[in-house]
Amino acid sequence: MGSLTSAAITRRLRAFGRRAWFDSHPDASPASQADRHTGRSGWRSFGIAVAALGAALLLALYSSIAAEDGRTWAAALSALTALAISTWVAFTVVPALARRTPLQWLAYRMEYRVTREGVVYLLGIFVIALAALNTGNNLLFVTLACLLGGILISGIISQVVLSGVELRLDLPEHIFAGQPVLALAELENHKAMLPSFSLRLVGARPSRSRQSRAGGEILTKPVYFPYLPAQQKRKLAVELIFPRRGVYRQDSIGLQTRFPFGFLEKTRQVQSRMEAVVYPPVAPSEEFYEILPLVTGELESFMRGRGHDLYAIRDYQTSDSARHVDWKASARTGSLQVREFAREDERRVLLVLDTAIPAEGKPPGWREAILERGVGLCASLAWHFYEINSMLAFRSAALETPMAPAGENIYEILRHLASASPADAERSVLGELVDMAQTFKIIVTAQPRGSLPTSLWSTSYIAFLE
């Protein structure tokens, strides 16, 4: 993050599109004003309860003194009055305070880890406890009590720091593997008066049941918030890089702190159910640059030969098809002449990824490596036709998109490529393409060369992955 300028951060944050970010001033909304009114009412009830219980305590002390002096009636009246006040507080003020007190923190799922400093601290407590028991020195017992009280205070304060804090992590809509993206981490403190200190937003790895299908965890580096005031929000831009394509899932996100003494690292786990679809990289590879001229040449030849209106008659060239030879014009001029038809107005391309990869006699992991080559090549080709505004359709064993402007289905194609996996050799889609003679096809396949239907060769460019 250090190498990013403020202008770059602003520019990248625009990629989030229309997203509702929280306002950092909570006093602006009607809901926050209602919450503030409820808070004032709760504090007023709390003050009344403290004053009433204080009066009941004074009456109880006066009753004890009056009983010692022999004033039985005054002692009884004072005791009954103190009991009545306490009963009134218990049945009227206490329920109202309980209704206003958020108790969600009781259900927080906490994880604890003793730090290296905490281990040293506990060893010191153990040594002092042994010395106090062996010597019976009161000063050692007082020191031991203070050390144990430090642990108790640390637990209470860290619990208060983690409670009442709402967290949020927003990701861009489109993410490509290997390219840095900016996410936005946000914490909001709902506590009325108490701030939170030294908070870290950390990721938790996905569960084993999901890890086989997931690309990994989303949040790999902690995000540090040094100070979070009461009733306010803090936002930080986080740079994330996803190394490979796939579906990344985050079962939970942790809110972590070592405050106040650093003896114990306490993490509050929050269920997130977050999912990020990471597209394969679309940056042109060396293999893409090798086949692009061949694909372009085949496409130009196909488009020129598939027109319906006669454009011109010209001399024969070695790249021309024999079926376009005009024999009458050739006999008249004494040299081969070919008919050239008007080119179609639109480039129409069907991109085919054949995920049926044979596995017989292949080493482990070979199918996955071959598929990765095919997915990367298809992603680069699809993005190329999207940039030149072509008409594009896509076909695989699990997805079929209609012919449409590439801008309408490019992200659907990339989303499918993000989670594509090898299929059985019997699920090849090549046999279904024979009847599509009017559409130029780019086929990416791992099938042997001799297994392809003959009719595909004249209407397709075929990239063999093996």
Protein backbone atom coordinates (compact mmCIF):
# COMPACT_ATOMS: atom_id res chain seq x y z
CA MET A 1 0.00 0.00 0.00
CA GLY A 2 2.89 2.33 0.58
CA SER A 3 3.62 2.69 -3.13
CA LEU A 4 0.07 3.81 -3.97
CA THR A 5 -0.57 7.52 -4.26
CA SER A 6 -3.80 9.14 -3.09
CA ALA A 7 -4.84 9.71 -6.70
CA ALA A 8 -4.33 6.04 -7.50
CA ILE A 9 -6.39 5.01 -4.48
CA THR A 10 -9.21 7.36 -5.50
CA ARG A 11 -9.09 6.08 -9.05
CA ARG A 12 -9.21 2.44 -7.98
CA LEU A 13 -12.02 3.01 -5.49
CA ARG A 14 -14.20 4.22 -8.37
CA ALA A 15 -14.21 0.64 -9.62
CA PHE A 16 -16.65 -0.27 -6.85
CA GLY A 17 -19.44 1.40 -8.87
CA ARG A 18 -22.68 2.20 -7.09
CA ARG A 19 -22.07 1.10 -3.51
CA ALA A 20 -23.61 2.55 -0.37
CA TRP A 21 -20.76 3.49 1.96
CA PHE A 22 -21.59 4.55 5.53
CA ASP A 23 -21.36 8.17 6.54
CA SER A 24 -18.65 8.83 9.14
CA HIS A 25 -20.95 11.21 11.06
CA PRO A 26 -23.73 9.17 12.70
CA ASP A 27 -25.66 12.21 13.89
CA ALA A 28 -27.02 12.89 10.42
CA SER A 29 -29.58 10.06 10.09
CA PRO A 30 -33.01 9.91 11.83
CA ALA A 31 -32.19 6.43 13.14
CA SER A 32 -29.06 7.71 14.88
CA GLN A 33 -31.05 10.55 16.46
CA ALA A 34 -33.57 8.00 17.79
CA ASP A 35 -30.72 5.89 19.18
CA ARG A 36 -29.26 8.96 20.88
CA HIS A 37 -32.65 9.74 22.46
CA THR A 38 -32.92 6.16 23.70
CA GLY A 39 -29.40 6.41 25.17
CA ARG A 40 -30.27 9.59 27.10
CA SER A 41 -33.40 7.93 28.49
CA GLY A 42 -31.36 4.91 29.59
CA TRP A 43 -28.78 7.05 31.38
CA ARG A 44 -31.60 8.97 33.13
CA SER A 45 -33.11 5.70 34.35
CA PHE A 46 -29.68 4.55 35.51
CA GLY A 47 -29.19 7.77 37.50
CA ILE A 48 -32.60 7.40 39.12
CA ALA A 49 -31.80 3.82 40.09
CA VAL A 50 -28.44 4.76 41.63
CA ALA A 51 -30.01 7.64 43.60
CA ALA A 52 -32.88 5.45 44.84
CA LEU A 53 -30.58 2.63 45.92
CA GLY A 54 -28.32 5.15 47.65
CA ALA A 55 -31.30 6.47 49.59
CA ALA A 56 -32.30 2.90 50.48
CA LEU A 57 -28.77 2.24 51.75
CA LEU A 58 -28.86 5.35 53.96
CA LEU A 59 -32.26 4.33 55.33
CA ALA A 60 -30.93 0.85 56.09
CA LEU A 61 -27.94 2.33 57.97
CA TYR A 62 -30.28 4.68 59.90
CA SER A 63 -32.49 1.69 60.77
CA SER A 64 -29.48 -0.13 62.24
CA ILE A 65 -28.48 2.90 64.33
CA ALA A 66 -32.07 3.44 65.53
CA ALA A 67 -32.36 -0.19 66.61
CA GLU A 68 -29.17 0.11 68.68
CA ASP A 69 -30.61 3.23 70.40
CA GLY A 70 -33.85 1.42 71.25
CA ARG A 71 -36.07 3.36 68.82
CA THR A 72 -37.92 0.33 67.51
CA TRP A 73 -40.62 2.12 65.51
CA ALA A 74 -38.14 4.40 63.72
CA ALA A 75 -35.90 1.43 62.93
CA ALA A 76 -38.83 -0.62 61.56
CA LEU A 77 -40.17 2.28 59.50
CA SER A 78 -36.74 3.01 58.00
CA ALA A 79 -36.15 -0.67 57.15
CA LEU A 80 -39.56 -0.99 55.49
CA THR A 81 -38.98 2.19 53.49
CA ALA A 82 -35.56 0.97 52.31
CA LEU A 83 -37.12 -2.37 51.33
CA ALA A 84 -39.93 -0.63 49.43
CA ILE A 85 -37.49 1.56 47.50
CA SER A 86 -35.34 -1.44 46.58
CA THR A 87 -38.43 -3.37 45.45
CA TRP A 88 -39.57 -0.43 43.31
CA VAL A 89 -36.15 -0.21 41.62
CA ALA A 90 -36.08 -4.00 41.05
CA PHE A 91 -39.53 -4.13 39.40
CA THR A 92 -39.59 -0.85 37.46
CA VAL A 93 -36.15 0.59 36.66
CA VAL A 94 -34.13 -2.61 36.28
CA PRO A 95 -36.39 -4.16 33.55
CA ALA A 96 -36.29 -0.89 31.60
CA LEU A 97 -32.50 -0.84 31.76
CA ALA A 98 -32.31 -4.50 30.77
CA ARG A 99 -34.43 -3.84 27.66
CA ARG A 100 -32.03 -1.06 26.61
CA THR A 101 -28.87 -3.07 27.27
CA PRO A 102 -27.48 -4.92 24.22
CA LEU A 103 -26.52 -8.46 25.22
CA GLN A 104 -25.23 -9.65 21.86
CA TRP A 105 -21.71 -9.80 23.29
CA LEU A 106 -22.77 -12.82 25.37
CA ALA A 107 -23.11 -14.81 22.12
CA TYR A 108 -19.77 -13.74 20.65
CA ARG A 109 -17.55 -16.63 19.60
CA MET A 110 -14.13 -15.85 21.03
CA GLU A 111 -10.76 -17.43 20.40
CA TYR A 112 -7.88 -16.96 22.84
CA ARG A 113 -4.15 -17.24 22.37
CA VAL A 114 -1.54 -16.53 25.02
CA THR A 115 1.23 -14.34 23.62
CA ARG A 116 4.93 -14.65 24.41
CA GLU A 117 4.64 -11.75 26.87
CA GLY A 118 1.65 -13.51 28.46
CA VAL A 119 3.68 -16.70 28.97
CA VAL A 120 6.40 -14.71 30.75
CA TYR A 121 3.73 -13.00 32.88
CA LEU A 122 2.14 -16.33 33.87
CA LEU A 123 5.53 -17.78 34.77
CA GLY A 124 6.13 -14.79 37.02
CA ILE A 125 2.77 -15.36 38.73
CA PHE A 126 3.64 -19.02 39.25
CA VAL A 127 7.01 -18.16 40.84
CA ILE A 128 5.50 -15.53 43.16
CA ALA A 129 2.69 -17.92 44.13
CA LEU A 130 5.23 -20.59 45.13
CA ALA A 131 7.25 -18.05 47.11
CA ALA A 132 4.15 -16.75 48.91
CA LEU A 133 2.99 -20.24 49.87
CA ASN A 134 6.45 -21.25 51.11
CA THR A 135 7.25 -18.10 53.11
CA GLY A 136 3.78 -16.90 54.14
CA ASN A 137 4.87 -13.30 53.42
CA ASN A 138 1.82 -11.01 53.25
CA LEU A 139 3.56 -8.67 50.79
CA LEU A 140 3.98 -11.54 48.34
CA PHE A 141 0.31 -12.42 48.69
CA VAL A 142 -0.63 -8.79 47.95
CA THR A 143 1.67 -8.79 44.91
CA LEU A 144 0.13 -12.06 43.73
CA ALA A 145 -3.37 -10.61 44.10
CA CYS A 146 -2.38 -7.56 42.05
CA LEU A 147 -0.94 -9.75 39.28
CA LEU A 148 -4.08 -11.89 39.17
CA GLY A 149 -6.16 -8.73 39.15
CA GLY A 150 -4.20 -7.56 36.11
CA ILE A 151 -5.33 -10.66 34.21
CA LEU A 152 -8.94 -10.04 35.25
CA ILE A 153 -8.78 -6.38 34.21
CA SER A 154 -7.16 -7.31 30.91
CA GLY A 155 -9.97 -9.75 30.11
CA ILE A 156 -12.71 -7.25 30.97
CA ILE A 157 -11.16 -4.39 29.00
CA SER A 158 -10.47 -6.53 25.91
CA GLN A 159 -14.08 -7.76 26.03
CA VAL A 160 -15.31 -4.17 26.11
CA VAL A 161 -12.99 -3.22 23.24
CA LEU A 162 -14.32 -6.02 21.00
CA SER A 163 -18.00 -5.64 21.89
CA GLY A 164 -20.32 -3.26 20.07
CA VAL A 165 -18.14 -3.12 16.94
CA GLU A 166 -19.59 -3.91 13.53
CA LEU A 167 -17.23 -4.83 10.72
CA ARG A 168 -17.57 -4.83 6.94
CA LEU A 169 -15.35 -5.75 4.00
CA ASP A 170 -16.43 -4.76 0.47
CA LEU A 171 -14.77 -6.07 -2.67
CA PRO A 172 -14.82 -4.77 -6.26
CA GLU A 173 -17.34 -6.33 -8.61
CA HIS A 174 -14.77 -7.69 -11.09
CA ILE A 175 -11.50 -9.26 -9.92
CA PHE A 176 -8.78 -10.72 -12.14
CA ALA A 177 -6.13 -13.17 -10.97
CA GLY A 178 -2.70 -11.68 -10.44
CA GLN A 179 -3.90 -8.06 -10.55
CA PRO A 180 -4.01 -5.97 -7.34
CA VAL A 181 -7.46 -4.70 -6.35
CA LEU A 182 -8.59 -2.36 -3.61
CA ALA A 183 -11.07 -3.57 -1.02
CA LEU A 184 -12.61 -1.33 1.62
CA ALA A 185 -12.52 -2.40 5.28
CA GLU A 186 -14.87 -0.57 7.63
CA LEU A 187 -15.39 -0.73 11.40
CA GLU A 188 -18.25 0.99 13.23
CA ASN A 189 -18.36 1.45 17.00
CA HIS A 190 -21.94 1.30 18.32
CA LYS A 191 -20.96 1.87 21.95
CA ALA A 192 -22.44 5.06 23.40
CA MET A 193 -19.36 6.35 25.27
CA LEU A 194 -16.47 3.89 25.18
CA PRO A 195 -13.95 3.87 22.31
CA SER A 196 -12.05 0.83 21.07
CA PHE A 197 -8.29 0.59 20.72
CA SER A 198 -5.79 -1.48 18.75
CA LEU A 199 -8.16 -3.54 16.60
CA ARG A 200 -7.06 -5.81 13.77
CA LEU A 201 -9.28 -7.27 11.06
CA VAL A 202 -7.98 -10.76 10.26
CA GLY A 203 -9.14 -13.55 7.99
CA ALA A 204 -10.01 -17.08 9.02
CA ARG A 205 -9.33 -19.94 6.63
CA PRO A 206 -12.36 -21.69 5.05
CA SER A 207 -13.62 -24.91 6.54
CA ARG A 208 -12.40 -28.27 5.21
CA SER A 209 -15.73 -28.99 3.56
CA ARG A 210 -15.34 -25.91 1.37
CA GLN A 211 -11.61 -25.73 0.99
CA SER A 212 -11.51 -28.27 -1.84
CA ARG A 213 -13.78 -26.07 -3.95
CA ALA A 214 -12.52 -22.69 -2.83
CA GLY A 215 -9.60 -20.83 -4.30
CA GLY A 216 -8.37 -19.86 -0.83
CA GLU A 217 -9.05 -17.21 1.78
CA ILE A 218 -9.90 -13.64 0.79
CA LEU A 219 -8.28 -11.61 3.55
CA THR A 220 -4.68 -12.81 3.87
CA LYS A 221 -3.14 -9.82 5.68
CA PRO A 222 -4.43 -8.14 8.85
CA VAL A 223 -5.89 -4.62 8.68
CA TYR A 224 -4.96 -2.48 11.69
CA PHE A 225 -7.24 0.17 13.25
CA PRO A 226 -5.38 1.95 16.08
CA TYR A 227 -8.34 3.91 17.42
CA LEU A 228 -12.11 3.72 16.92
CA PRO A 229 -14.11 6.49 18.66
CA ALA A 230 -17.51 5.86 20.16
CA GLN A 231 -20.45 6.16 17.74
CA GLN A 232 -18.15 6.60 14.73
CA LYS A 233 -16.77 4.67 11.78
CA ARG A 234 -13.31 4.20 10.35
CA LYS A 235 -12.49 3.03 6.79
CA LEU A 236 -9.24 1.76 5.32
CA ALA A 237 -8.39 0.81 1.73
CA VAL A 238 -6.80 -2.64 1.55
CA GLU A 239 -4.82 -3.92 -1.42
CA LEU A 240 -5.55 -7.58 -2.21
CA ILE A 241 -3.95 -9.88 -4.79
CA PHE A 242 -5.52 -13.20 -5.73
CA PRO A 243 -2.81 -15.44 -7.22
CA ARG A 244 -5.03 -17.73 -9.29
CA ARG A 245 -8.51 -18.04 -10.70
CA GLY A 246 -11.32 -19.64 -8.72
CA VAL A 247 -14.01 -18.98 -6.17
CA TYR A 248 -12.55 -17.62 -2.93
CA ARG A 249 -14.67 -18.06 0.18
CA GLN A 250 -14.35 -16.62 3.66
CA ASP A 251 -16.36 -18.50 6.27
CA SER A 252 -15.64 -15.94 8.97
CA ILE A 253 -13.69 -12.78 9.68
CA GLY A 254 -11.96 -12.14 12.99
CA LEU A 255 -11.84 -8.94 14.99
CA GLN A 256 -8.65 -9.21 17.04
CA THR A 257 -6.99 -7.23 19.82
CA ARG A 258 -4.14 -7.51 22.34
CA PHE A 259 -5.26 -4.45 24.26
CA PRO A 260 -4.49 -3.42 26.99
CA PHE A 261 -1.37 -5.32 28.15
CA GLY A 262 -0.63 -7.70 25.28
CA PHE A 263 -0.71 -10.80 27.49
CA LEU A 264 -3.62 -12.38 25.64
CA GLU A 265 -4.64 -12.20 21.98
CA LYS A 266 -8.41 -12.32 21.84
CA THR A 267 -10.24 -12.82 18.52
CA ARG A 268 -13.95 -12.39 18.03
CA GLN A 269 -15.12 -14.51 15.09
CA VAL A 270 -17.89 -13.08 12.89
CA GLN A 271 -19.68 -15.24 10.32
CA SER A 272 -19.23 -13.59 6.93
CA ARG A 273 -20.24 -16.05 4.15
CA MET A 274 -18.20 -13.89 1.82
CA GLU A 275 -17.48 -15.09 -1.70
CA ALA A 276 -15.29 -13.64 -4.44
CA VAL A 277 -15.20 -14.92 -8.02
CA VAL A 278 -11.71 -14.33 -9.42
CA TYR A 279 -11.50 -14.34 -13.21
CA PRO A 280 -8.52 -15.86 -15.01
CA PRO A 281 -5.92 -13.32 -16.18
CA VAL A 282 -6.71 -11.71 -19.53
CA ALA A 283 -3.25 -10.25 -20.15
CA PRO A 284 -1.93 -11.55 -23.50
CA SER A 285 0.46 -14.44 -23.08
CA GLU A 286 3.19 -15.65 -25.41
CA GLU A 287 0.93 -18.41 -26.67
CA PHE A 288 -1.81 -15.85 -27.39
CA TYR A 289 0.54 -13.73 -29.49
CA GLU A 290 1.56 -16.84 -31.43
CA ILE A 291 -1.95 -17.85 -32.48
CA LEU A 292 -3.55 -14.38 -32.82
CA PRO A 293 -2.23 -13.78 -36.40
CA LEU A 294 -3.41 -17.25 -37.40
CA VAL A 295 -6.84 -16.70 -35.87
CA THR A 296 -7.13 -13.29 -37.53
CA GLY A 297 -6.16 -14.68 -40.92
CA GLU A 298 -8.63 -17.55 -40.71
CA LEU A 299 -11.37 -15.18 -39.59
CA GLU A 300 -10.71 -12.71 -42.41
CA SER A 301 -10.72 -15.51 -44.98
CA PHE A 302 -13.93 -16.98 -43.57
CA MET A 303 -15.72 -13.63 -43.47
CA ARG A 304 -14.69 -12.76 -47.00
CA GLY A 305 -15.76 -16.13 -48.35
CA ARG A 306 -19.10 -16.24 -46.55
CA GLY A 307 -20.58 -13.03 -47.98
CA HIS A 308 -23.65 -13.18 -50.22
CA ASP A 309 -23.12 -10.19 -52.58
CA LEU A 310 -20.48 -10.28 -55.31
CA TYR A 311 -17.89 -7.60 -54.67
CA ALA A 312 -15.28 -8.10 -57.44
CA ILE A 313 -13.46 -10.60 -59.64
CA ARG A 314 -9.70 -10.59 -59.22
CA ASP A 315 -6.63 -12.70 -59.88
CA TYR A 316 -6.22 -15.95 -57.97
CA GLN A 317 -3.91 -15.98 -54.94
CA THR A 318 -2.43 -18.99 -53.21
CA SER A 319 -4.49 -18.39 -50.07
CA ASP A 320 -7.82 -18.45 -51.96
CA SER A 321 -10.14 -21.43 -51.85
CA ALA A 322 -10.69 -23.38 -55.07
CA ARG A 323 -14.46 -23.21 -54.70
CA HIS A 324 -14.38 -19.45 -55.33
CA VAL A 325 -12.71 -19.78 -58.77
CA ASP A 326 -14.78 -18.19 -61.56
CA TRP A 327 -14.14 -20.59 -64.46
CA LYS A 328 -15.85 -18.44 -67.11
CA ALA A 329 -13.75 -15.40 -66.25
CA SER A 330 -10.64 -17.59 -66.07
CA ALA A 331 -11.31 -18.99 -69.59
CA ARG A 332 -11.89 -15.53 -70.96
CA THR A 333 -8.72 -14.01 -69.53
CA GLY A 334 -6.49 -17.06 -69.75
CA SER A 335 -5.56 -16.93 -66.00
CA LEU A 336 -7.30 -18.07 -62.86
CA GLN A 337 -9.85 -15.57 -61.57
CA VAL A 338 -11.75 -15.77 -58.28
CA ARG A 339 -15.00 -14.22 -57.09
CA GLU A 340 -14.65 -11.94 -54.03
CA PHE A 341 -17.80 -11.39 -52.06
CA ALA A 342 -18.75 -8.41 -49.91
CA ARG A 343 -17.61 -8.87 -46.33
CA GLU A 344 -20.15 -9.21 -43.57
CA ASP A 345 -20.76 -6.11 -41.47
CA GLU A 346 -20.16 -7.90 -38.17
CA ARG A 347 -17.46 -10.22 -36.89
CA ARG A 348 -19.24 -13.24 -35.49
CA VAL A 349 -17.12 -15.65 -33.48
CA LEU A 350 -18.03 -18.73 -31.49
CA LEU A 351 -15.39 -19.44 -28.83
CA VAL A 352 -15.39 -23.10 -27.73
CA LEU A 353 -13.58 -24.55 -24.73
CA ASP A 354 -13.58 -28.34 -24.79
CA THR A 355 -13.14 -29.34 -21.15
CA ALA A 356 -13.30 -33.07 -21.99
CA ILE A 357 -9.67 -34.00 -21.42
CA PRO A 358 -8.57 -37.65 -21.71
CA ALA A 359 -6.74 -39.02 -18.71
CA GLU A 360 -5.58 -42.45 -19.87
CA GLY A 361 -1.84 -42.90 -19.60
CA LYS A 362 -1.30 -39.37 -18.27
CA PRO A 363 0.54 -38.45 -15.05
CA PRO A 364 -1.35 -37.00 -12.07
CA GLY A 365 -2.17 -33.33 -12.44
CA TRP A 366 -1.78 -33.38 -16.23
CA ARG A 367 -5.47 -32.71 -16.89
CA GLU A 368 -5.51 -29.74 -14.54
CA ALA A 369 -2.38 -28.25 -16.12
CA ILE A 370 -3.80 -28.66 -19.65
CA LEU A 371 -7.09 -27.10 -18.59
CA GLU A 372 -5.31 -24.10 -17.08
CA ARG A 373 -3.65 -23.47 -20.46
CA GLY A 374 -7.01 -23.69 -22.19
CA VAL A 375 -8.76 -21.42 -19.70
CA GLY A 376 -6.01 -18.78 -19.95
CA LEU A 377 -6.09 -18.86 -23.75
CA CYS A 378 -9.90 -18.61 -23.88
CA ALA A 379 -9.90 -15.71 -21.42
CA SER A 380 -7.34 -13.78 -23.51
CA LEU A 381 -9.24 -14.45 -26.74
CA ALA A 382 -12.60 -13.47 -25.24
CA TRP A 383 -11.13 -10.24 -23.88
CA HIS A 384 -9.54 -9.50 -27.28
CA PHE A 385 -12.88 -9.79 -29.08
CA TYR A 386 -14.49 -7.72 -26.35
CA GLU A 387 -11.97 -4.93 -26.94
CA ILE A 388 -12.63 -4.88 -30.71
CA ASN A 389 -16.44 -4.96 -30.22
CA SER A 390 -17.07 -8.27 -31.98
CA MET A 391 -20.15 -10.43 -31.83
CA LEU A 392 -19.21 -13.27 -29.50
CA ALA A 393 -20.75 -16.52 -28.32
CA PHE A 394 -19.24 -19.12 -25.99
CA ARG A 395 -19.71 -22.84 -25.72
CA SER A 396 -18.49 -25.46 -23.28
CA ALA A 397 -19.90 -28.53 -21.60
CA ALA A 398 -21.44 -26.45 -18.79
CA LEU A 399 -22.27 -23.11 -20.48
CA GLU A 400 -23.73 -21.90 -23.75
CA THR A 401 -24.24 -18.19 -24.44
CA PRO A 402 -26.10 -16.75 -27.42
CA MET A 403 -24.41 -14.69 -30.12
CA ALA A 404 -24.37 -11.12 -28.82
CA PRO A 405 -22.05 -8.12 -28.57
CA ALA A 406 -19.05 -9.22 -26.52
CA GLY A 407 -19.68 -6.53 -23.93
CA GLU A 408 -22.96 -8.21 -22.95
CA ASN A 409 -21.60 -11.66 -22.13
CA ILE A 410 -17.87 -11.19 -21.47
CA TYR A 411 -18.24 -11.31 -17.69
CA GLU A 412 -20.54 -14.31 -17.82
CA ILE A 413 -17.87 -16.10 -19.85
CA LEU A 414 -15.10 -15.06 -17.45
CA ARG A 415 -17.21 -16.13 -14.47
CA HIS A 416 -17.61 -19.58 -15.99
CA LEU A 417 -13.91 -19.80 -16.80
CA ALA A 418 -13.10 -18.90 -13.17
CA SER A 419 -14.60 -22.18 -11.94
CA ALA A 420 -14.08 -24.44 -14.97
CA SER A 421 -12.86 -27.95 -14.20
CA PRO A 422 -11.87 -30.95 -16.35
CA ALA A 423 -14.73 -33.13 -17.61
CA ASP A 424 -14.85 -36.73 -18.72
CA ALA A 425 -13.66 -37.50 -22.23
CA GLU A 426 -17.19 -38.57 -23.23
CA ARG A 427 -18.58 -35.05 -22.59
CA SER A 428 -16.90 -33.39 -25.56
CA VAL A 429 -19.00 -30.71 -27.30
CA LEU A 430 -17.16 -30.93 -30.64
CA GLY A 431 -19.73 -33.26 -32.17
CA GLU A 432 -22.47 -30.67 -31.61
CA LEU A 433 -20.63 -28.03 -33.69
CA VAL A 434 -20.82 -29.88 -37.03
CA ASP A 435 -24.14 -28.31 -38.04
CA MET A 436 -22.95 -24.73 -37.36
CA ALA A 437 -21.31 -24.20 -40.74
CA GLN A 438 -22.25 -20.51 -41.00
CA THR A 439 -20.37 -19.49 -37.83
CA PHE A 440 -16.64 -19.14 -37.49
CA LYS A 441 -15.43 -21.12 -34.50
CA ILE A 442 -12.28 -20.93 -32.40
CA ILE A 443 -11.94 -24.30 -30.70
CA VAL A 444 -9.58 -24.88 -27.78
CA THR A 445 -9.32 -28.60 -27.16
CA ALA A 446 -7.05 -31.37 -25.87
CA GLN A 447 -8.55 -34.04 -28.12
CA PRO A 448 -6.22 -35.88 -30.55
CA ARG A 449 -6.04 -34.37 -34.02
CA GLY A 450 -7.50 -37.40 -35.78
CA SER A 451 -10.62 -37.48 -33.60
CA LEU A 452 -12.11 -34.17 -34.81
CA PRO A 453 -14.91 -34.17 -37.43
CA THR A 454 -13.61 -33.24 -40.87
CA SER A 455 -16.22 -30.53 -41.44
CA LEU A 456 -14.86 -28.45 -38.57
CA TRP A 457 -11.53 -27.82 -40.25
CA SER A 458 -12.97 -25.55 -42.98
CA THR A 459 -15.05 -23.38 -40.58
CA SER A 460 -12.83 -23.24 -37.51
CA TYR A 461 -9.47 -22.44 -36.10
CA ILE A 462 -8.46 -25.25 -33.75
CA ALA A 463 -5.91 -24.76 -30.99
CA PHE A 464 -4.64 -28.09 -29.70
CA LEU A 465 -3.59 -27.81 -26.07
CA GLU A 466 -1.45 -30.93 -26.17
